[in-house]
């Protein structure tokens, strides 16, 4: 607001009163529409009615709740944005009728407070976006670890079946019947360590029937993954972390290679042997009509 307008308002109490009343009136809720304050009260009331969830949600459940919260907050931001725009439009219309200039940098409290709330909501929305990205990234990593665990277990089974193949018929038949050696000892596998009878027996049966792929074996022994879960998870996590780091390094190298070389402005342009810099060419040398030449005369 200009200094001239400030002086005008100070000297005109009636105009001051009219301006204040106009700002207050236009700052009230628009007829038939919910105001941001009412929306906040409604959200608070709904929050009181909801019982706190004690059970820890799965990553999928966390993501669903997060997306719901982001959607609700986006709706509130839309309402606030529309409210600010309409309120400012009404204020400018009233100011125009009063012969006052439209609002520029100066804003009445009714708009200033709502814009401050909108700014905070946007910051919170950005934080939720980051939280969502981290959650998705964690889910993707967990999925990679699950796949890697299955791959590792398949590798171990392949080695175990080679060990079965090298056994003499008597030892293998004992494992097939009881899950133990003829001496009633557990199988000691180089690839899978000590195997309990309830693990060794179905694996020996799968080997005899020619079932060597993990999905088919898990149909008959669904608890197999759980029995080796701790060891598999540790090894799979190391592999996945290593692959992700290698992928990051690869992306960094590619970005570095694709980055255009910056022009060295301090480097002077190269002058070929027969080329004369423009600053050293005399008028006589550059005028063909007088027998001049654009090349430096050899001394």
Foldseek 3Di string as FASTA:
>chain_A
DDPVVVVVCVVDVVLVVLLVVQLVVLLDDDPPDDALVNVVVVVVVVVVVDDDDPDDDDLVVVLVVLVVVLVVLVVSLVRLVVSLVSSLVSSCVSCVVVVHHRDDPDDDPSNVVSVVVSVVSVVVSVVSVVVSVVSVVVVVLVVQLVVQLLVLVLVLLVQVLVVLVPDDPQQLVVCQVFVPGPVRAFDAGPSPGTDDSVGSNLSSVCSVVVNRHDVVSCVVVVCVCVVCVVVSSVVSSVVSVVVVVVVVVVVVVVVVVPDDDDDDPVDDDDADPFADPPVPDDPQQPDVVNVHHRTDDDD
